[in-house]
Amino acid sequence: MSEQHSITGGGLSATIKTGGAELCGLRGADGTEYLWNAGPEWPRFAPILFPIVGKLAGDTLRHAGRAYGMTQHGFARDRRFDWLSRGDDAVRLVLQDDAESRGGFPFAFRLEVEYAAGAAGLRCTVTVSNPGPGDLPFSLGAHPAFRWPLRPGLAKDAHRLTFEAAEPGPVHYLSGGLLGEGEPSPIRGRELTLAPGLFARDALIWRGLASRSVRYAAPGGPALTFSWEGYPDLGLWSKPDGADFLCIEPWQGTASPAGWDGEFASKPGVVVLPPAGSRAFTWRVALEPMSAERVALAG
């Protein structure tokens, strides 16, 4: 059973569990819950994706002439992390390689996760370190699921994502779980209109975005701004059959490109850390609760 700990700061509260070091609650000062409730349509809240993002061809990781089984999004989301510290406004957790992980991922690693609540919102920083004598190849992703609609009664297609910058580049879809070629993007300038049909082909994926933040909002409801550092790519995902969540996912790396089945360390988007190397990746979410005026207008 996962242990949980809640932190507060800056008018929000967040709950984190040791299972997957996963955020499992995010409330504003007015009590509004912004995070999906891990319902039966998708029984997760905000998993951490490591050491891969998406799928590898044949669910197989290739290294030094050997093949290792590795299922979609890796194993960190299903492992228990250990507490390093638990405070009123911040927590730190850690996962390190062991005999179980090395059976499918033959590399030494240390995965440290910090959540901190404050005036700027909730911050999650994941630091990947290499304590071993050889290189550490990996990808990393965040997968938080926010409520959609943000407020009961709002139309799902009234919601918008507004990007920090114009994004004229292509979008990629998945084919058999693998990354397809780029296609014209549904983003218009800086704005993406959300509707369940947008996800009829599974996730939408952008590589090398100019933006480092998006604002998620609908008229008459609360809103949030989601930002990230260190992650070059972004995925958006929901289920097209009416599941009430929207995943906003900053990534370092993606699923294997269709037709690619090579050495893991050479996979597009994989980071290779030398011995004693480390790299930090951060996302933040700033909540915008409904003002008294907006509550009155929403009726």
Protein backbone atom coordinates (compact mmCIF):
# COMPACT_ATOMS: atom_id res chain seq x y z
CA MET A 1 0.00 0.00 0.00
CA SER A 2 1.31 3.43 -0.93
CA GLU A 3 1.87 5.99 1.78
CA GLN A 4 0.66 9.52 1.11
CA HIS A 5 1.72 12.96 2.28
CA SER A 6 0.06 16.33 1.65
CA ILE A 7 1.80 19.67 1.27
CA THR A 8 0.35 23.18 1.21
CA GLY A 9 1.57 26.57 0.11
CA GLY A 10 0.55 29.52 -2.02
CA GLY A 11 -3.14 28.75 -1.57
CA LEU A 12 -3.00 25.19 -2.90
CA SER A 13 -2.66 21.72 -1.46
CA ALA A 14 -1.11 18.69 -3.14
CA THR A 15 -0.98 15.03 -2.16
CA ILE A 16 1.84 12.71 -3.22
CA LYS A 17 2.10 8.94 -2.80
CA THR A 18 5.12 6.66 -2.62
CA GLY A 19 3.70 4.46 -5.41
CA GLY A 20 5.41 5.92 -8.46
CA ALA A 21 6.16 9.17 -6.56
CA GLU A 22 2.83 10.16 -8.10
CA LEU A 23 0.86 13.33 -7.51
CA CYS A 24 -2.64 12.16 -6.59
CA GLY A 25 -4.43 15.36 -5.53
CA LEU A 26 -4.25 19.05 -6.37
CA ARG A 27 -6.72 21.49 -4.80
CA GLY A 28 -7.03 25.23 -4.98
CA ALA A 29 -7.75 27.50 -2.03
CA ASP A 30 -11.48 27.32 -2.80
CA GLY A 31 -11.43 23.51 -2.64
CA THR A 32 -11.58 22.97 -6.40
CA GLU A 33 -9.89 19.71 -7.39
CA TYR A 34 -7.91 20.13 -10.60
CA LEU A 35 -6.50 16.61 -10.92
CA TRP A 36 -8.31 13.65 -12.51
CA ASN A 37 -9.53 11.09 -9.98
CA ALA A 38 -7.91 7.97 -11.50
CA GLY A 39 -11.30 6.58 -12.46
CA PRO A 40 -11.91 3.30 -14.29
CA GLU A 41 -11.42 4.87 -17.72
CA TRP A 42 -7.73 5.39 -16.81
CA PRO A 43 -6.71 4.43 -13.26
CA ARG A 44 -3.75 6.79 -12.86
CA PHE A 45 -3.31 10.41 -11.76
CA ALA A 46 0.05 11.75 -12.92
CA PRO A 47 2.62 9.00 -13.53
CA ILE A 48 6.33 9.59 -14.04
CA LEU A 49 7.59 7.96 -17.25
CA PHE A 50 11.09 6.42 -16.94
CA PRO A 51 13.33 5.10 -18.46
CA ILE A 52 11.28 5.36 -21.66
CA VAL A 53 8.43 7.49 -22.95
CA GLY A 54 5.86 5.69 -25.05
CA LYS A 55 6.63 2.33 -26.65
CA LEU A 56 9.75 0.71 -28.02
CA ALA A 57 9.42 -1.40 -31.15
CA GLY A 58 8.38 -4.86 -30.03
CA ASP A 59 8.49 -3.68 -26.40
CA THR A 60 12.20 -4.46 -26.61
CA LEU A 61 15.17 -2.45 -25.36
CA ARG A 62 18.37 -3.31 -27.23
CA HIS A 63 21.74 -2.85 -25.55
CA ALA A 64 25.16 -4.35 -26.27
CA GLY A 65 23.80 -7.21 -28.31
CA ARG A 66 21.09 -8.20 -25.84
CA ALA A 67 17.33 -7.67 -25.88
CA TYR A 68 15.40 -6.70 -22.73
CA GLY A 69 11.63 -6.56 -22.33
CA MET A 70 10.42 -3.00 -21.65
CA THR A 71 6.74 -2.14 -21.72
CA GLN A 72 5.19 1.23 -22.53
CA HIS A 73 6.36 4.21 -20.44
CA GLY A 74 8.82 2.12 -18.41
CA PHE A 75 8.70 0.84 -14.85
CA ALA A 76 9.11 3.84 -12.52
CA ARG A 77 5.36 4.52 -12.41
CA ASP A 78 4.81 1.05 -10.91
CA ARG A 79 7.62 1.08 -8.34
CA ARG A 80 7.55 2.25 -4.75
CA PHE A 81 9.76 5.26 -4.06
CA ASP A 82 11.34 5.98 -0.67
CA TRP A 83 10.83 9.22 1.21
CA LEU A 84 13.91 11.40 1.53
CA SER A 85 12.08 14.19 3.33
CA ARG A 86 8.51 15.23 4.15
CA GLY A 87 7.68 18.79 5.15
CA ASP A 88 4.71 21.13 5.28
CA ASP A 89 5.35 22.59 1.83
CA ALA A 90 7.72 20.13 0.09
CA VAL A 91 8.59 16.45 -0.20
CA ARG A 92 11.44 14.51 -1.77
CA LEU A 93 11.39 10.88 -2.88
CA VAL A 94 13.93 8.57 -4.53
CA LEU A 95 14.10 5.40 -6.61
CA GLN A 96 17.40 3.65 -7.31
CA ASP A 97 18.36 0.70 -9.47
CA ASP A 98 18.19 -2.74 -7.89
CA ALA A 99 18.19 -6.37 -8.97
CA GLU A 100 14.60 -6.09 -10.19
CA SER A 101 15.21 -3.03 -12.37
CA ARG A 102 18.52 -4.34 -13.76
CA GLY A 103 16.74 -7.45 -15.01
CA GLY A 104 15.07 -5.32 -17.70
CA PHE A 105 17.15 -2.13 -17.69
CA PRO A 106 20.85 -2.94 -17.20
CA PHE A 107 21.97 0.47 -15.98
CA ALA A 108 22.66 2.14 -12.65
CA PHE A 109 20.43 5.14 -11.94
CA ARG A 110 19.08 7.41 -9.22
CA LEU A 111 15.72 9.08 -9.77
CA GLU A 112 14.98 11.84 -7.25
CA VAL A 113 11.62 13.63 -7.28
CA GLU A 114 10.80 16.84 -5.41
CA TYR A 115 7.39 18.48 -5.11
CA ALA A 116 7.17 21.98 -3.61
CA ALA A 117 4.12 24.21 -3.10
CA GLY A 118 4.47 27.98 -2.98
CA ALA A 119 3.39 31.34 -4.33
CA ALA A 120 4.24 30.32 -7.90
CA GLY A 121 2.13 27.13 -7.67
CA LEU A 122 3.19 23.51 -7.47
CA ARG A 123 6.63 22.60 -8.77
CA CYS A 124 7.82 19.07 -9.59
CA THR A 125 11.53 18.56 -10.27
CA VAL A 126 12.88 15.18 -11.32
CA THR A 127 16.65 14.76 -11.20
CA VAL A 128 18.17 11.79 -13.00
CA SER A 129 21.69 10.86 -11.86
CA ASN A 130 24.17 8.24 -12.98
CA PRO A 131 25.97 6.58 -10.03
CA GLY A 132 27.43 3.79 -12.15
CA PRO A 133 30.70 3.21 -13.99
CA GLY A 134 29.10 3.25 -17.46
CA ASP A 135 26.81 5.55 -19.42
CA LEU A 136 23.13 5.86 -18.52
CA PRO A 137 20.75 6.24 -21.49
CA PHE A 138 17.16 7.24 -20.68
CA SER A 139 14.07 9.19 -21.57
CA LEU A 140 11.78 10.88 -19.06
CA GLY A 141 8.25 12.20 -19.14
CA ALA A 142 5.53 13.70 -16.97
CA HIS A 143 1.93 12.56 -17.46
CA PRO A 144 -0.40 14.67 -15.23
CA ALA A 145 -4.12 14.31 -15.95
CA PHE A 146 -6.27 17.36 -15.28
CA ARG A 147 -10.04 17.43 -15.06
CA TRP A 148 -11.84 18.04 -18.31
CA PRO A 149 -14.18 19.82 -17.96
CA LEU A 150 -12.46 21.90 -15.30
CA ARG A 151 -15.85 22.60 -13.71
CA PRO A 152 -18.95 20.37 -13.81
CA GLY A 153 -21.42 21.63 -16.36
CA LEU A 154 -18.88 23.28 -18.66
CA ALA A 155 -18.83 22.04 -22.23
CA LYS A 156 -15.66 20.12 -23.05
CA ASP A 157 -15.33 21.88 -26.40
CA ALA A 158 -15.39 25.27 -24.65
CA HIS A 159 -11.90 24.56 -23.29
CA ARG A 160 -8.78 25.96 -24.93
CA LEU A 161 -5.05 25.54 -24.65
CA THR A 162 -3.19 28.76 -25.31
CA PHE A 163 0.50 28.25 -26.00
CA GLU A 164 3.19 30.68 -24.93
CA ALA A 165 4.36 31.11 -28.54
CA ALA A 166 3.02 30.41 -32.00
CA GLU A 167 3.52 26.75 -32.91
CA PRO A 168 3.44 26.29 -36.67
CA GLY A 169 5.39 23.02 -36.59
CA PRO A 170 3.95 19.59 -37.35
CA VAL A 171 2.06 17.30 -35.02
CA HIS A 172 2.83 13.57 -34.81
CA TYR A 173 0.36 10.78 -34.18
CA LEU A 174 0.96 7.19 -33.15
CA SER A 175 0.72 4.24 -35.50
CA GLY A 176 0.67 0.91 -33.69
CA GLY A 177 2.00 2.77 -30.66
CA LEU A 178 5.01 4.09 -32.60
CA LEU A 179 5.69 7.65 -33.73
CA GLY A 180 4.41 8.56 -37.17
CA GLU A 181 5.56 11.21 -39.60
CA GLY A 182 4.69 14.87 -39.00
CA GLU A 183 1.33 16.19 -40.19
CA PRO A 184 -0.32 19.63 -40.20
CA SER A 185 -0.99 20.73 -36.63
CA PRO A 186 -4.45 21.61 -35.25
CA ILE A 187 -2.90 24.53 -33.33
CA ARG A 188 -4.00 27.82 -34.87
CA GLY A 189 -1.39 30.42 -34.06
CA ARG A 190 -1.15 29.95 -30.31
CA GLU A 191 -4.54 28.36 -29.67
CA LEU A 192 -5.79 24.79 -29.67
CA THR A 193 -9.51 24.13 -29.34
CA LEU A 194 -10.15 21.00 -27.30
CA ALA A 195 -12.79 18.40 -28.12
CA PRO A 196 -12.94 14.63 -27.55
CA GLY A 197 -12.63 13.98 -31.30
CA LEU A 198 -9.18 15.52 -31.23
CA PHE A 199 -7.94 12.25 -29.70
CA ALA A 200 -9.52 9.84 -32.17
CA ARG A 201 -5.99 8.86 -33.25
CA ASP A 202 -4.63 8.64 -29.69
CA ALA A 203 -2.08 11.19 -28.42
CA LEU A 204 -0.99 14.37 -30.19
CA ILE A 205 2.78 14.89 -30.03
CA TRP A 206 4.92 17.90 -30.83
CA ARG A 207 8.71 17.73 -30.93
CA GLY A 208 10.95 20.72 -30.19
CA LEU A 209 8.23 23.21 -29.25
CA ALA A 210 9.06 26.90 -28.98
CA SER A 211 6.65 27.27 -26.04
CA ARG A 212 7.49 26.38 -22.47
CA SER A 213 3.99 26.92 -21.11
CA VAL A 214 0.30 26.53 -21.93
CA ARG A 215 -2.79 28.00 -20.31
CA TYR A 216 -5.73 25.62 -19.95
CA ALA A 217 -9.08 27.36 -19.49
CA ALA A 218 -12.72 27.69 -20.41
CA PRO A 219 -15.08 30.67 -20.05
CA GLY A 220 -16.91 30.55 -16.73
CA GLY A 221 -14.49 28.14 -15.08
CA PRO A 222 -11.21 27.95 -13.22
CA ALA A 223 -7.98 27.83 -15.19
CA LEU A 224 -4.38 26.78 -14.84
CA THR A 225 -1.04 27.56 -16.43
CA PHE A 226 1.26 24.61 -16.94
CA SER A 227 4.96 25.25 -17.65
CA TRP A 228 8.08 23.14 -18.01
CA GLU A 229 11.88 23.31 -18.24
CA GLY A 230 14.28 20.73 -19.63
CA TYR A 231 11.63 18.84 -21.60
CA PRO A 232 11.76 19.63 -25.36
CA ASP A 233 8.63 17.73 -26.43
CA LEU A 234 4.95 17.75 -25.51
CA GLY A 235 2.18 15.21 -25.67
CA LEU A 236 -1.56 15.73 -25.19
CA TRP A 237 -3.81 12.78 -24.54
CA SER A 238 -7.30 11.81 -23.54
CA LYS A 239 -9.68 9.07 -24.54
CA PRO A 240 -12.12 9.89 -27.33
CA ASP A 241 -15.00 8.10 -25.62
CA GLY A 242 -15.82 10.74 -23.01
CA ALA A 243 -13.29 10.19 -20.22
CA ASP A 244 -13.17 13.41 -18.20
CA PHE A 245 -9.44 14.12 -18.22
CA LEU A 246 -6.80 15.90 -20.29
CA CYS A 247 -3.16 14.89 -19.95
CA ILE A 248 -0.62 17.66 -20.58
CA GLU A 249 2.70 15.83 -20.87
CA PRO A 250 6.17 17.39 -21.21
CA TRP A 251 8.62 14.78 -22.46
CA GLN A 252 12.28 14.16 -23.09
CA GLY A 253 11.92 11.63 -25.88
CA THR A 254 8.96 9.91 -27.48
CA ALA A 255 7.88 6.48 -28.66
CA SER A 256 10.22 4.86 -31.17
CA PRO A 257 9.74 6.25 -34.67
CA ALA A 258 7.90 3.77 -36.88
CA GLY A 259 10.50 1.61 -38.62
CA TRP A 260 13.24 2.25 -36.03
CA ASP A 261 14.52 -0.66 -33.93
CA GLY A 262 18.11 0.08 -33.01
CA GLU A 263 20.40 0.38 -29.99
CA PHE A 264 18.56 2.13 -27.15
CA ALA A 265 21.33 4.68 -26.53
CA SER A 266 21.02 5.80 -30.17
CA LYS A 267 17.24 6.17 -30.12
CA PRO A 268 16.05 9.68 -31.04
CA GLY A 269 15.29 11.68 -27.89
CA VAL A 270 17.35 9.52 -25.51
CA VAL A 271 19.71 11.35 -23.13
CA VAL A 272 23.04 9.65 -22.37
CA LEU A 273 24.47 10.61 -18.98
CA PRO A 274 28.15 9.89 -18.33
CA PRO A 275 29.26 8.46 -14.98
CA ALA A 276 28.56 10.96 -12.15
CA GLY A 277 26.39 13.00 -14.52
CA SER A 278 22.93 14.32 -13.70
CA ARG A 279 20.14 16.29 -15.33
CA ALA A 280 17.09 18.02 -13.85
CA PHE A 281 13.65 18.39 -15.43
CA THR A 282 10.91 20.60 -13.98
CA TRP A 283 7.23 21.26 -14.49
CA ARG A 284 5.00 23.74 -12.66
CA VAL A 285 1.28 24.30 -12.43
CA ALA A 286 -0.19 27.62 -11.30
CA LEU A 287 -3.89 27.54 -10.43
CA GLU A 288 -6.40 30.27 -11.21
CA PRO A 289 -9.47 29.70 -9.01
CA MET A 290 -12.73 31.32 -9.98
CA SER A 291 -13.13 34.84 -8.68
CA ALA A 292 -16.33 35.86 -6.89
CA GLU A 293 -17.42 37.69 -10.05
CA ARG A 294 -16.82 34.64 -12.23
CA VAL A 295 -18.65 32.40 -9.76
CA ALA A 296 -21.64 34.76 -9.87
CA LEU A 297 -21.60 34.87 -13.69
CA ALA A 298 -21.34 31.08 -13.84
CA GLY A 299 -24.47 31.01 -11.73
